[in-house]
Amino acid sequence: MKIHTHQILAMMLLMMISLAQTACDGNEPDPAADALKQLTGSWQVSQVKVDGMDRTDLFDDFSLVIAQKQFTATNGEPVWPASGTWAFADDQGTTFTRDDGVVVKIESLSNTSLVLSLMWTKTTLGAGRERSVSGAHVFEFRK
């Protein structure tokens, strides 16, 4: 009887270990992958604030197309170059770094809206008006 009890306990222990390993395999959520799915697509700017002030006028018709590790921007220069690459800077998919070294924080993200923030350190002039203003930029987009 002792042999059977030990065998049964050993088998139960093996089954529990096996179940625990199976439960852990591949079921880990991947926040960066989820963020990438939502980020991918074409985004139209709806509002831009610089240091809390509305500066949407500097980004008329600005659009941003985000794909895996690449982006294309229209009417976003000089703050957003016409094209470039990017990579997540964290495992959570809440921050990414562009190939020009600018760090962009994802403030909020859904399937239809996106809010990005970044620090721009230059003020540029062009054709009789400001093209960019230095400061904390917050871009609100919609799909």
C-alpha atoms as a PDB file:
ATOM      1  CA  MET A   1       0.000   0.000   0.000  1.00  0.00           C
ATOM      2  CA  LYS A   2       2.887   2.377   0.758  1.00  0.00           C
ATOM      3  CA  ILE A   3       4.277   1.878  -2.741  1.00  0.00           C
ATOM      4  CA  HIS A   4       0.980   2.771  -4.345  1.00  0.00           C
ATOM      5  CA  THR A   5       0.592   5.879  -2.207  1.00  0.00           C
ATOM      6  CA  HIS A   6       4.093   7.076  -3.106  1.00  0.00           C
ATOM      7  CA  GLN A   7       3.491   6.332  -6.779  1.00  0.00           C
ATOM      8  CA  ILE A   8       0.199   8.174  -6.779  1.00  0.00           C
ATOM      9  CA  LEU A   9       1.738  11.192  -5.030  1.00  0.00           C
ATOM     10  CA  ALA A  10       4.680  11.216  -7.442  1.00  0.00           C
ATOM     11  CA  MET A  11       2.356  11.062 -10.463  1.00  0.00           C
ATOM     12  CA  MET A  12       0.181  13.833  -9.067  1.00  0.00           C
ATOM     13  CA  LEU A  13       3.263  15.996  -8.507  1.00  0.00           C
ATOM     14  CA  LEU A  14       4.441  15.379 -12.080  1.00  0.00           C
ATOM     15  CA  MET A  15       0.992  16.237 -13.430  1.00  0.00           C
ATOM     16  CA  MET A  16       0.897  19.498 -11.459  1.00  0.00           C
ATOM     17  CA  ILE A  17       4.360  20.510 -12.698  1.00  0.00           C
ATOM     18  CA  SER A  18       3.369  19.658 -16.260  1.00  0.00           C
ATOM     19  CA  LEU A  19       0.157  21.687 -16.004  1.00  0.00           C
ATOM     20  CA  ALA A  20       2.012  24.652 -14.532  1.00  0.00           C
ATOM     21  CA  GLN A  21       4.518  24.642 -17.395  1.00  0.00           C
ATOM     22  CA  THR A  22       1.774  24.337 -20.012  1.00  0.00           C
ATOM     23  CA  ALA A  23      -0.107  27.243 -18.476  1.00  0.00           C
ATOM     24  CA  CYS A  24       2.984  29.447 -18.706  1.00  0.00           C
ATOM     25  CA  ASP A  25       4.006  28.601 -22.278  1.00  0.00           C
ATOM     26  CA  GLY A  26       3.120  31.315 -24.790  1.00  0.00           C
ATOM     27  CA  ASN A  27       0.342  32.896 -22.793  1.00  0.00           C
ATOM     28  CA  GLU A  28       2.311  35.933 -21.683  1.00  0.00           C
ATOM     29  CA  PRO A  29       0.704  39.165 -22.881  1.00  0.00           C
ATOM     30  CA  ASP A  30       2.925  41.250 -25.150  1.00  0.00           C
ATOM     31  CA  PRO A  31       2.026  44.932 -24.627  1.00  0.00           C
ATOM     32  CA  ALA A  32       4.470  46.117 -27.315  1.00  0.00           C
ATOM     33  CA  ALA A  33       2.919  43.795 -29.917  1.00  0.00           C
ATOM     34  CA  ASP A  34      -0.557  45.000 -28.946  1.00  0.00           C
ATOM     35  CA  ALA A  35       0.573  48.630 -29.204  1.00  0.00           C
ATOM     36  CA  LEU A  36       2.109  47.973 -32.629  1.00  0.00           C
ATOM     37  CA  LYS A  37      -1.199  46.572 -33.905  1.00  0.00           C
ATOM     38  CA  GLN A  38      -3.023  49.712 -32.803  1.00  0.00           C
ATOM     39  CA  LEU A  39      -0.280  52.104 -33.972  1.00  0.00           C
ATOM     40  CA  THR A  40      -0.080  50.679 -37.483  1.00  0.00           C
ATOM     41  CA  GLY A  41      -2.045  52.778 -39.956  1.00  0.00           C
ATOM     42  CA  SER A  42      -2.641  56.286 -41.230  1.00  0.00           C
ATOM     43  CA  TRP A  43      -3.211  59.045 -38.658  1.00  0.00           C
ATOM     44  CA  GLN A  44      -4.518  62.593 -39.269  1.00  0.00           C
ATOM     45  CA  VAL A  45      -3.617  65.332 -36.809  1.00  0.00           C
ATOM     46  CA  SER A  46      -6.556  66.905 -34.991  1.00  0.00           C
ATOM     47  CA  GLN A  47      -4.690  69.118 -32.522  1.00  0.00           C
ATOM     48  CA  VAL A  48      -1.127  70.098 -31.632  1.00  0.00           C
ATOM     49  CA  LYS A  49      -0.142  71.811 -28.399  1.00  0.00           C
ATOM     50  CA  VAL A  50       3.280  73.226 -27.610  1.00  0.00           C
ATOM     51  CA  ASP A  51       3.860  73.941 -23.934  1.00  0.00           C
ATOM     52  CA  GLY A  52       0.086  73.805 -23.458  1.00  0.00           C
ATOM     53  CA  MET A  53      -0.739  76.338 -26.201  1.00  0.00           C
ATOM     54  CA  ASP A  54      -2.651  75.370 -29.340  1.00  0.00           C
ATOM     55  CA  ARG A  55      -0.232  75.391 -32.298  1.00  0.00           C
ATOM     56  CA  THR A  56      -2.236  73.264 -34.724  1.00  0.00           C
ATOM     57  CA  ASP A  57      -1.745  76.056 -37.300  1.00  0.00           C
ATOM     58  CA  LEU A  58       1.903  74.992 -37.665  1.00  0.00           C
ATOM     59  CA  PHE A  59       0.812  71.512 -38.766  1.00  0.00           C
ATOM     60  CA  ASP A  60      -1.900  72.071 -41.406  1.00  0.00           C
ATOM     61  CA  ASP A  61      -2.806  68.763 -43.081  1.00  0.00           C
ATOM     62  CA  PHE A  62      -0.202  66.855 -41.066  1.00  0.00           C
ATOM     63  CA  SER A  63      -0.566  63.102 -41.396  1.00  0.00           C
ATOM     64  CA  LEU A  64       1.527  60.269 -40.070  1.00  0.00           C
ATOM     65  CA  VAL A  65       1.634  56.733 -41.451  1.00  0.00           C
ATOM     66  CA  ILE A  66       3.105  54.235 -39.026  1.00  0.00           C
ATOM     67  CA  ALA A  67       4.196  50.755 -40.020  1.00  0.00           C
ATOM     68  CA  GLN A  68       6.417  48.217 -38.326  1.00  0.00           C
ATOM     69  CA  LYS A  69       9.678  50.076 -37.618  1.00  0.00           C
ATOM     70  CA  GLN A  70       8.980  52.803 -40.235  1.00  0.00           C
ATOM     71  CA  PHE A  71       6.981  56.013 -40.474  1.00  0.00           C
ATOM     72  CA  THR A  72       6.103  58.502 -43.182  1.00  0.00           C
ATOM     73  CA  ALA A  73       5.015  62.039 -42.333  1.00  0.00           C
ATOM     74  CA  THR A  74       3.313  64.583 -44.585  1.00  0.00           C
ATOM     75  CA  ASN A  75       3.429  68.290 -43.648  1.00  0.00           C
ATOM     76  CA  GLY A  76       5.105  67.575 -40.321  1.00  0.00           C
ATOM     77  CA  GLU A  77       8.581  68.938 -41.000  1.00  0.00           C
ATOM     78  CA  PRO A  78      10.810  69.870 -39.342  1.00  0.00           C
ATOM     79  CA  VAL A  79       9.464  68.293 -36.132  1.00  0.00           C
ATOM     80  CA  TRP A  80       8.516  65.129 -38.029  1.00  0.00           C
ATOM     81  CA  PRO A  81      10.880  64.247 -40.884  1.00  0.00           C
ATOM     82  CA  ALA A  82       9.256  63.041 -44.123  1.00  0.00           C
ATOM     83  CA  SER A  83      10.271  59.470 -43.344  1.00  0.00           C
ATOM     84  CA  GLY A  84      12.307  57.475 -40.923  1.00  0.00           C
ATOM     85  CA  THR A  85      12.542  54.443 -38.720  1.00  0.00           C
ATOM     86  CA  TRP A  86      11.584  53.903 -35.119  1.00  0.00           C
ATOM     87  CA  ALA A  87      11.861  51.267 -32.389  1.00  0.00           C
ATOM     88  CA  PHE A  88      10.124  50.771 -29.077  1.00  0.00           C
ATOM     89  CA  ALA A  89      12.275  52.042 -26.221  1.00  0.00           C
ATOM     90  CA  ASP A  90      10.548  49.843 -23.641  1.00  0.00           C
ATOM     91  CA  ASP A  91       8.878  46.433 -23.352  1.00  0.00           C
ATOM     92  CA  GLN A  92       5.498  47.993 -22.648  1.00  0.00           C
ATOM     93  CA  GLY A  93       5.187  49.765 -25.998  1.00  0.00           C
ATOM     94  CA  THR A  94       4.664  53.173 -24.388  1.00  0.00           C
ATOM     95  CA  THR A  95       7.732  54.962 -25.761  1.00  0.00           C
ATOM     96  CA  PHE A  96       9.622  54.810 -29.035  1.00  0.00           C
ATOM     97  CA  THR A  97      12.790  56.393 -30.375  1.00  0.00           C
ATOM     98  CA  ARG A  98      13.020  57.734 -33.919  1.00  0.00           C
ATOM     99  CA  ASP A  99      16.175  57.284 -35.996  1.00  0.00           C
ATOM    100  CA  ASP A 100      16.977  60.981 -35.437  1.00  0.00           C
ATOM    101  CA  GLY A 101      17.212  60.313 -31.688  1.00  0.00           C
ATOM    102  CA  VAL A 102      13.924  61.980 -30.714  1.00  0.00           C
ATOM    103  CA  VAL A 103      12.093  60.054 -27.987  1.00  0.00           C
ATOM    104  CA  VAL A 104       8.314  59.934 -28.475  1.00  0.00           C
ATOM    105  CA  LYS A 105       5.942  58.961 -25.663  1.00  0.00           C
ATOM    106  CA  ILE A 106       2.604  57.335 -26.445  1.00  0.00           C
ATOM    107  CA  GLU A 107       0.288  59.188 -24.063  1.00  0.00           C
ATOM    108  CA  SER A 108      -2.827  57.313 -25.174  1.00  0.00           C
ATOM    109  CA  LEU A 109      -3.673  54.835 -27.897  1.00  0.00           C
ATOM    110  CA  SER A 110      -6.815  53.171 -29.190  1.00  0.00           C
ATOM    111  CA  ASN A 111      -7.932  51.833 -32.553  1.00  0.00           C
ATOM    112  CA  THR A 112      -9.168  55.308 -33.554  1.00  0.00           C
ATOM    113  CA  SER A 113      -7.149  57.851 -31.562  1.00  0.00           C
ATOM    114  CA  LEU A 114      -3.515  58.455 -30.740  1.00  0.00           C
ATOM    115  CA  VAL A 115      -1.779  61.027 -28.547  1.00  0.00           C
ATOM    116  CA  LEU A 116       2.002  61.394 -28.851  1.00  0.00           C
ATOM    117  CA  SER A 117       4.321  63.724 -26.957  1.00  0.00           C
ATOM    118  CA  LEU A 118       7.908  64.731 -27.577  1.00  0.00           C
ATOM    119  CA  MET A 119      10.370  67.448 -26.662  1.00  0.00           C
ATOM    120  CA  TRP A 120      11.463  69.582 -29.632  1.00  0.00           C
ATOM    121  CA  THR A 121      14.504  71.752 -28.921  1.00  0.00           C
ATOM    122  CA  LYS A 122      14.608  73.947 -32.040  1.00  0.00           C
ATOM    123  CA  THR A 123      12.699  76.956 -33.302  1.00  0.00           C
ATOM    124  CA  THR A 124      12.879  77.308 -37.074  1.00  0.00           C
ATOM    125  CA  LEU A 125      11.703  80.035 -39.402  1.00  0.00           C
ATOM    126  CA  GLY A 126      10.659  79.734 -43.013  1.00  0.00           C
ATOM    127  CA  ALA A 127       8.837  81.800 -45.651  1.00  0.00           C
ATOM    128  CA  GLY A 128       8.017  84.638 -43.278  1.00  0.00           C
ATOM    129  CA  ARG A 129       6.621  82.534 -40.449  1.00  0.00           C
ATOM    130  CA  GLU A 130       7.570  80.039 -37.800  1.00  0.00           C
ATOM    131  CA  ARG A 131       7.902  76.485 -39.046  1.00  0.00           C
ATOM    132  CA  SER A 132       8.460  74.992 -35.624  1.00  0.00           C
ATOM    133  CA  VAL A 133       8.523  76.120 -32.025  1.00  0.00           C
ATOM    134  CA  SER A 134      10.683  74.548 -29.350  1.00  0.00           C
ATOM    135  CA  GLY A 135       9.032  72.995 -26.335  1.00  0.00           C
ATOM    136  CA  ALA A 136       6.906  70.083 -25.185  1.00  0.00           C
ATOM    137  CA  HIS A 137       4.778  69.001 -28.156  1.00  0.00           C
ATOM    138  CA  VAL A 138       1.579  66.985 -27.790  1.00  0.00           C
ATOM    139  CA  PHE A 139       0.060  65.635 -31.015  1.00  0.00           C
ATOM    140  CA  GLU A 140      -3.508  64.336 -31.075  1.00  0.00           C
ATOM    141  CA  PHE A 141      -4.400  62.126 -34.054  1.00  0.00           C
ATOM    142  CA  ARG A 142      -7.433  60.272 -35.346  1.00  0.00           C
ATOM    143  CA  LYS A 143      -7.698  57.482 -37.898  1.00  0.00           C
END
